Amino acid sequence: MDARGRVSVILPWRPGCPHREAALSWVLPRWEDTGWQVVVAEQPGGGAWCKAAAVAAGLADATGDVL
């Protein structure tokens, strides 16, 4: 059995920077081409950026056996 459908990739994300938005537009289709689940996870509640909070929010949507 291969890893398709078993792997979830969590991309912590905060919009607002045009350079990061361009990078996400470039990288997202490449991750999706792997067949893995891609979760673009935003930090809930705003405030100061906390990457861990964004990853934690993405865990709720991740269904893979491997992160």
PDB file of N, CA and C in Angstrom:
ATOM      1  N   MET A   1       0.849  -1.184   0.000  1.00  0.00           N
ATOM      2  CA  MET A   1       0.000   0.000   0.000  1.00  0.00           C
ATOM      3  C   MET A   1       0.893   1.245   0.000  1.00  0.00           C
ATOM      4  N   ASP A   2       0.556   2.210  -0.858  1.00  0.00           N
ATOM      5  CA  ASP A   2       1.358   3.429  -0.901  1.00  0.00           C
ATOM      6  C   ASP A   2       0.801   4.463   0.080  1.00  0.00           C
ATOM      7  N   ALA A   3       1.463   5.599   0.123  1.00  0.00           N
ATOM      8  CA  ALA A   3       1.131   6.626   1.109  1.00  0.00           C
ATOM      9  C   ALA A   3      -0.037   7.519   0.695  1.00  0.00           C
ATOM     10  N   ARG A   4      -0.533   7.378  -0.533  1.00  0.00           N
ATOM     11  CA  ARG A   4      -1.649   8.234  -0.959  1.00  0.00           C
ATOM     12  C   ARG A   4      -2.837   8.028  -0.024  1.00  0.00           C
ATOM     13  N   GLY A   5      -3.383   9.139   0.448  1.00  0.00           N
ATOM     14  CA  GLY A   5      -4.519   9.071   1.342  1.00  0.00           C
ATOM     15  C   GLY A   5      -4.170   8.783   2.784  1.00  0.00           C
ATOM     16  N   ARG A   6      -2.935   8.400   3.023  1.00  0.00           N
ATOM     17  CA  ARG A   6      -2.506   8.103   4.392  1.00  0.00           C
ATOM     18  C   ARG A   6      -1.693   9.225   4.995  1.00  0.00           C
ATOM     19  N   VAL A   7      -1.252  10.164   4.175  1.00  0.00           N
ATOM     20  CA  VAL A   7      -0.389  11.252   4.634  1.00  0.00           C
ATOM     21  C   VAL A   7      -1.173  12.562   4.594  1.00  0.00           C
ATOM     22  N   SER A   8      -1.069  13.325   5.672  1.00  0.00           N
ATOM     23  CA  SER A   8      -1.638  14.676   5.717  1.00  0.00           C
ATOM     24  C   SER A   8      -0.499  15.660   5.904  1.00  0.00           C
ATOM     25  N   VAL A   9      -0.502  16.709   5.095  1.00  0.00           N
ATOM     26  CA  VAL A   9       0.485  17.776   5.190  1.00  0.00           C
ATOM     27  C   VAL A   9      -0.240  19.008   5.709  1.00  0.00           C
ATOM     28  N   ILE A  10       0.196  19.545   6.831  1.00  0.00           N
ATOM     29  CA  ILE A  10      -0.423  20.734   7.403  1.00  0.00           C
ATOM     30  C   ILE A  10       0.467  21.928   7.087  1.00  0.00           C
ATOM     31  N   LEU A  11      -0.121  22.902   6.388  1.00  0.00           N
ATOM     32  CA  LEU A  11       0.594  24.133   6.063  1.00  0.00           C
ATOM     33  C   LEU A  11       0.037  25.255   6.930  1.00  0.00           C
ATOM     34  N   PRO A  12       0.766  25.667   7.974  1.00  0.00           N
ATOM     35  CA  PRO A  12       0.293  26.786   8.774  1.00  0.00           C
ATOM     36  C   PRO A  12       0.288  28.053   7.926  1.00  0.00           C
ATOM     37  N   TRP A  13      -0.797  28.829   8.006  1.00  0.00           N
ATOM     38  CA  TRP A  13      -0.977  29.918   7.066  1.00  0.00           C
ATOM     39  C   TRP A  13      -1.593  31.133   7.727  1.00  0.00           C
ATOM     40  N   ARG A  14      -1.091  32.287   7.340  1.00  0.00           N
ATOM     41  CA  ARG A  14      -1.704  33.556   7.706  1.00  0.00           C
ATOM     42  C   ARG A  14      -1.673  34.453   6.480  1.00  0.00           C
ATOM     43  N   PRO A  15      -2.829  34.858   5.980  1.00  0.00           N
ATOM     44  CA  PRO A  15      -2.871  35.694   4.784  1.00  0.00           C
ATOM     45  C   PRO A  15      -2.410  37.121   5.083  1.00  0.00           C
ATOM     46  N   GLY A  16      -2.172  37.871   4.016  1.00  0.00           N
ATOM     47  CA  GLY A  16      -1.859  39.283   4.177  1.00  0.00           C
ATOM     48  C   GLY A  16      -0.526  39.720   3.601  1.00  0.00           C
ATOM     49  N   CYS A  17       0.346  38.778   3.292  1.00  0.00           N
ATOM     50  CA  CYS A  17       1.645  39.116   2.708  1.00  0.00           C
ATOM     51  C   CYS A  17       1.634  38.656   1.251  1.00  0.00           C
ATOM     52  N   PRO A  18       1.779  39.577   0.301  1.00  0.00           N
ATOM     53  CA  PRO A  18       1.710  39.168  -1.108  1.00  0.00           C
ATOM     54  C   PRO A  18       2.792  38.169  -1.514  1.00  0.00           C
ATOM     55  N   HIS A  19       3.960  38.231  -0.877  1.00  0.00           N
ATOM     56  CA  HIS A  19       5.033  37.287  -1.207  1.00  0.00           C
ATOM     57  C   HIS A  19       4.675  35.877  -0.736  1.00  0.00           C
ATOM     58  N   ARG A  20       4.124  35.774   0.461  1.00  0.00           N
ATOM     59  CA  ARG A  20       3.712  34.456   0.974  1.00  0.00           C
ATOM     60  C   ARG A  20       2.514  33.921   0.202  1.00  0.00           C
ATOM     61  N   GLU A  21       1.597  34.805  -0.193  1.00  0.00           N
ATOM     62  CA  GLU A  21       0.452  34.365  -0.975  1.00  0.00           C
ATOM     63  C   GLU A  21       0.892  33.828  -2.337  1.00  0.00           C
ATOM     64  N   ALA A  22       1.876  34.468  -2.946  1.00  0.00           N
ATOM     65  CA  ALA A  22       2.413  33.974  -4.216  1.00  0.00           C
ATOM     66  C   ALA A  22       3.108  32.628  -4.013  1.00  0.00           C
ATOM     67  N   ALA A  23       3.836  32.492  -2.920  1.00  0.00           N
ATOM     68  CA  ALA A  23       4.517  31.229  -2.628  1.00  0.00           C
ATOM     69  C   ALA A  23       3.503  30.112  -2.404  1.00  0.00           C
ATOM     70  N   LEU A  24       2.431  30.404  -1.685  1.00  0.00           N
ATOM     71  CA  LEU A  24       1.400  29.394  -1.452  1.00  0.00           C
ATOM     72  C   LEU A  24       0.743  28.990  -2.778  1.00  0.00           C
ATOM     73  N   SER A  25       0.478  29.947  -3.640  1.00  0.00           N
ATOM     74  CA  SER A  25      -0.113  29.648  -4.951  1.00  0.00           C
ATOM     75  C   SER A  25       0.788  28.747  -5.781  1.00  0.00           C
ATOM     76  N   TRP A  26       2.085  28.881  -5.597  1.00  0.00           N
ATOM     77  CA  TRP A  26       3.028  28.049  -6.332  1.00  0.00           C
ATOM     78  C   TRP A  26       3.142  26.654  -5.721  1.00  0.00           C
ATOM     79  N   VAL A  27       3.245  26.585  -4.401  1.00  0.00           N
ATOM     80  CA  VAL A  27       3.538  25.309  -3.748  1.00  0.00           C
ATOM     81  C   VAL A  27       2.301  24.425  -3.568  1.00  0.00           C
ATOM     82  N   LEU A  28       1.127  25.017  -3.403  1.00  0.00           N
ATOM     83  CA  LEU A  28      -0.073  24.237  -3.117  1.00  0.00           C
ATOM     84  C   LEU A  28      -0.393  23.200  -4.193  1.00  0.00           C
ATOM     85  N   PRO A  29      -0.388  23.554  -5.475  1.00  0.00           N
ATOM     86  CA  PRO A  29      -0.670  22.515  -6.488  1.00  0.00           C
ATOM     87  C   PRO A  29       0.370  21.395  -6.493  1.00  0.00           C
ATOM     88  N   ARG A  30       1.595  21.715  -6.164  1.00  0.00           N
ATOM     89  CA  ARG A  30       2.639  20.686  -6.135  1.00  0.00           C
ATOM     90  C   ARG A  30       2.406  19.702  -5.007  1.00  0.00           C
ATOM     91  N   TRP A  31       2.016  20.191  -3.835  1.00  0.00           N
ATOM     92  CA  TRP A  31       1.677  19.289  -2.728  1.00  0.00           C
ATOM     93  C   TRP A  31       0.450  18.463  -3.093  1.00  0.00           C
ATOM     94  N   GLU A  32      -0.547  19.082  -3.714  1.00  0.00           N
ATOM     95  CA  GLU A  32      -1.769  18.371  -4.074  1.00  0.00           C
ATOM     96  C   GLU A  32      -1.500  17.280  -5.105  1.00  0.00           C
ATOM     97  N   ASP A  33      -0.518  17.481  -5.982  1.00  0.00           N
ATOM     98  CA  ASP A  33      -0.165  16.476  -6.985  1.00  0.00           C
ATOM     99  C   ASP A  33       0.381  15.193  -6.367  1.00  0.00           C
ATOM    100  N   THR A  34       0.814  15.242  -5.114  1.00  0.00           N
ATOM    101  CA  THR A  34       1.340  14.040  -4.458  1.00  0.00           C
ATOM    102  C   THR A  34       0.245  13.043  -4.131  1.00  0.00           C
ATOM    103  N   GLY A  35      -1.007  13.524  -4.097  1.00  0.00           N
ATOM    104  CA  GLY A  35      -2.105  12.655  -3.678  1.00  0.00           C
ATOM    105  C   GLY A  35      -2.320  12.663  -2.177  1.00  0.00           C
ATOM    106  N   TRP A  36      -1.477  13.374  -1.477  1.00  0.00           N
ATOM    107  CA  TRP A  36      -1.622  13.481  -0.029  1.00  0.00           C
ATOM    108  C   TRP A  36      -2.680  14.525   0.306  1.00  0.00           C
ATOM    109  N   GLN A  37      -3.243  14.425   1.496  1.00  0.00           N
ATOM    110  CA  GLN A  37      -4.178  15.443   1.961  1.00  0.00           C
ATOM    111  C   GLN A  37      -3.381  16.681   2.350  1.00  0.00           C
ATOM    112  N   VAL A  38      -3.781  17.823   1.829  1.00  0.00           N
ATOM    113  CA  VAL A  38      -3.123  19.090   2.160  1.00  0.00           C
ATOM    114  C   VAL A  38      -4.109  19.946   2.941  1.00  0.00           C
ATOM    115  N   VAL A  39      -3.720  20.342   4.150  1.00  0.00           N
ATOM    116  CA  VAL A  39      -4.557  21.170   5.002  1.00  0.00           C
ATOM    117  C   VAL A  39      -3.881  22.528   5.161  1.00  0.00           C
ATOM    118  N   VAL A  40      -4.508  23.566   4.633  1.00  0.00           N
ATOM    119  CA  VAL A  40      -4.016  24.928   4.824  1.00  0.00           C
ATOM    120  C   VAL A  40      -4.699  25.428   6.094  1.00  0.00           C
ATOM    121  N   ALA A  41      -3.912  25.598   7.151  1.00  0.00           N
ATOM    122  CA  ALA A  41      -4.457  25.854   8.479  1.00  0.00           C
ATOM    123  C   ALA A  41      -4.164  27.275   8.941  1.00  0.00           C
ATOM    124  N   GLU A  42      -5.230  28.009   9.207  1.00  0.00           N
ATOM    125  CA  GLU A  42      -5.087  29.362   9.737  1.00  0.00           C
ATOM    126  C   GLU A  42      -5.229  29.347  11.258  1.00  0.00           C
ATOM    127  N   GLN A  43      -4.549  30.264  11.880  1.00  0.00           N
ATOM    128  CA  GLN A  43      -4.651  30.426  13.324  1.00  0.00           C
ATOM    129  C   GLN A  43      -6.034  30.978  13.662  1.00  0.00           C
ATOM    130  N   PRO A  44      -6.754  30.346  14.559  1.00  0.00           N
ATOM    131  CA  PRO A  44      -8.063  30.891  14.938  1.00  0.00           C
ATOM    132  C   PRO A  44      -7.919  32.117  15.836  1.00  0.00           C
ATOM    133  N   GLY A  45      -8.835  33.035  15.703  1.00  0.00           N
ATOM    134  CA  GLY A  45      -8.897  34.155  16.631  1.00  0.00           C
ATOM    135  C   GLY A  45      -8.020  35.347  16.339  1.00  0.00           C
ATOM    136  N   GLY A  46      -7.166  35.286  15.352  1.00  0.00           N
ATOM    137  CA  GLY A  46      -6.302  36.430  15.054  1.00  0.00           C
ATOM    138  C   GLY A  46      -5.269  36.669  16.130  1.00  0.00           C
ATOM    139  N   GLY A  47      -4.929  37.925  16.340  1.00  0.00           N
ATOM    140  CA  GLY A  47      -3.902  38.259  17.327  1.00  0.00           C
ATOM    141  C   GLY A  47      -2.515  38.044  16.770  1.00  0.00           C
ATOM    142  N   ALA A  48      -1.533  38.052  17.651  1.00  0.00           N
ATOM    143  CA  ALA A  48      -0.145  37.821  17.251  1.00  0.00           C
ATOM    144  C   ALA A  48      -0.013  36.424  16.652  1.00  0.00           C
ATOM    145  N   TRP A  49       0.798  36.321  15.609  1.00  0.00           N
ATOM    146  CA  TRP A  49       0.977  35.046  14.907  1.00  0.00           C
ATOM    147  C   TRP A  49       1.540  33.994  15.844  1.00  0.00           C
ATOM    148  N   CYS A  50       0.890  32.836  15.838  1.00  0.00           N
ATOM    149  CA  CYS A  50       1.362  31.677  16.595  1.00  0.00           C
ATOM    150  C   CYS A  50       1.256  30.463  15.680  1.00  0.00           C
ATOM    151  N   LYS A  51       2.393  30.044  15.162  1.00  0.00           N
ATOM    152  CA  LYS A  51       2.431  28.922  14.218  1.00  0.00           C
ATOM    153  C   LYS A  51       1.834  27.665  14.845  1.00  0.00           C
ATOM    154  N   ALA A  52       2.125  27.425  16.116  1.00  0.00           N
ATOM    155  CA  ALA A  52       1.607  26.235  16.796  1.00  0.00           C
ATOM    156  C   ALA A  52       0.086  26.243  16.848  1.00  0.00           C
ATOM    157  N   ALA A  53      -0.522  27.414  17.022  1.00  0.00           N
ATOM    158  CA  ALA A  53      -1.984  27.501  17.054  1.00  0.00           C
ATOM    159  C   ALA A  53      -2.571  27.173  15.682  1.00  0.00           C
ATOM    160  N   ALA A  54      -1.908  27.606  14.629  1.00  0.00           N
ATOM    161  CA  ALA A  54      -2.373  27.284  13.282  1.00  0.00           C
ATOM    162  C   ALA A  54      -2.263  25.778  13.019  1.00  0.00           C
ATOM    163  N   VAL A  55      -1.152  25.182  13.410  1.00  0.00           N
ATOM    164  CA  VAL A  55      -0.978  23.736  13.228  1.00  0.00           C
ATOM    165  C   VAL A  55      -2.031  22.981  14.035  1.00  0.00           C
ATOM    166  N   ALA A  56      -2.259  23.391  15.266  1.00  0.00           N
ATOM    167  CA  ALA A  56      -3.267  22.734  16.107  1.00  0.00           C
ATOM    168  C   ALA A  56      -4.643  22.813  15.468  1.00  0.00           C
ATOM    169  N   ALA A  57      -4.970  23.948  14.864  1.00  0.00           N
ATOM    170  CA  ALA A  57      -6.260  24.086  14.180  1.00  0.00           C
ATOM    171  C   ALA A  57      -6.336  23.144  12.984  1.00  0.00           C
ATOM    172  N   GLY A  58      -5.224  22.950  12.291  1.00  0.00           N
ATOM    173  CA  GLY A  58      -5.199  22.057  11.137  1.00  0.00           C
ATOM    174  C   GLY A  58      -5.315  20.591  11.503  1.00  0.00           C
ATOM    175  N   LEU A  59      -4.909  20.234  12.701  1.00  0.00           N
ATOM    176  CA  LEU A  59      -4.994  18.835  13.124  1.00  0.00           C
ATOM    177  C   LEU A  59      -6.430  18.319  13.116  1.00  0.00           C
ATOM    178  N   ALA A  60      -7.384  19.211  13.377  1.00  0.00           N
ATOM    179  CA  ALA A  60      -8.789  18.797  13.390  1.00  0.00           C
ATOM    180  C   ALA A  60      -9.257  18.312  12.019  1.00  0.00           C
ATOM    181  N   ASP A  61      -8.644  18.818  10.945  1.00  0.00           N
ATOM    182  CA  ASP A  61      -9.035  18.439   9.595  1.00  0.00           C
ATOM    183  C   ASP A  61      -8.156  17.347   8.994  1.00  0.00           C
ATOM    184  N   ALA A  62      -7.045  17.049   9.625  1.00  0.00           N
ATOM    185  CA  ALA A  62      -6.118  16.051   9.092  1.00  0.00           C
ATOM    186  C   ALA A  62      -6.673  14.638   9.326  1.00  0.00           C
ATOM    187  N   THR A  63      -6.676  13.835   8.273  1.00  0.00           N
ATOM    188  CA  THR A  63      -7.206  12.474   8.375  1.00  0.00           C
ATOM    189  C   THR A  63      -6.148  11.407   8.134  1.00  0.00           C
ATOM    190  N   GLY A  64      -4.936  11.799   7.801  1.00  0.00           N
ATOM    191  CA  GLY A  64      -3.893  10.830   7.486  1.00  0.00           C
ATOM    192  C   GLY A  64      -3.356  10.122   8.721  1.00  0.00           C
ATOM    193  N   ASP A  65      -2.703   8.999   8.482  1.00  0.00           N
ATOM    194  CA  ASP A  65      -2.029   8.270   9.547  1.00  0.00           C
ATOM    195  C   ASP A  65      -0.676   8.899   9.860  1.00  0.00           C
ATOM    196  N   VAL A  66      -0.144   9.620   8.879  1.00  0.00           N
ATOM    197  CA  VAL A  66       1.169  10.245   9.010  1.00  0.00           C
ATOM    198  C   VAL A  66       0.999  11.745   8.763  1.00  0.00           C
ATOM    199  N   LEU A  67       1.600  12.562   9.633  1.00  0.00           N
ATOM    200  CA  LEU A  67       1.556  14.023   9.447  1.00  0.00           C
ATOM    201  C   LEU A  67       2.898  14.480   8.926  1.00  0.00           C
TER     202      LEU A  67
END
